[in-house]
Amino acid sequence: MSAEEWAVFMVIWIAASLPLGPNALNCISTSAAYGVKKGLWSVVGIAAAAAIHMTLAVTGLAAFMGANPFLFEVVRWLGVGYLLWMGVALLRSKGDMRIDSAPKHESALRLTLKAMAISLSNPKAIFAWMAVFSQFIDPAAPLFGQLAVLAPSALGVTVLVYAGYSALGRGIGRFIAKGRRRWFDRIAGSTFIAFAVGLATADLRRN
């Protein structure tokens, strides 16, 4: 993988991680209820769930890549479709957001397990890993070496993004209240659609 391809992957993965979803809202609400330090335990749970999602996705991806180029193209266009779906869904979002009220005491273990449960309950997450990873895997090159770069990069971005949501939880909860979040989602949705068009037209399978 070239430095340019890695940079494109990082930009796309950051864009995929930033829009608000169940994980981000959980980080925000946890920090708002218990404080930033305890909110970071949600990040631990999300990272653990991400490692599970990645393992499942990579296992399936290895089978796809070991088959034939046609399957690679199938996954490629499923990835494009997924990014388009995410973009349209964000553009159509009404910007509703609720910060849960909760007691001020909760154990780190419960917060971690809660975050894992929220993340693992989203079956689209496994497809997201496979859809994005497939755009940057060269089926003609050894898979392990490519994943040795992509996997820690993706997990690092995931941890940093949700740690940021936790650190800014209380402030973000006020800033992206109904109305402002609608504009945030419109910008993010437009970005997803732009990346989908880019993935549909780019040749990322150079040998």
Foldseek 3Di string as FASTA:
>chain_A
DDPVLLVVLLVVLLLVQQADDPLLLLLLLCCVQANLVLSLLLLVLLLVLLVVLLVVLVVVLLVQLVPDVVSLVVLQLVLLVVLLVLLVCLLPDQLAGDRDHDHHDDDSVVSSVVSNVSNNVDPCSSSNSNSSVSLQDQSVDDPVVVCVSVVVSSSVSSSVNSSVSNNCSVVVCVQSHGPNSSVVSNVSSVVSNVVSVVSVPDDNRDD
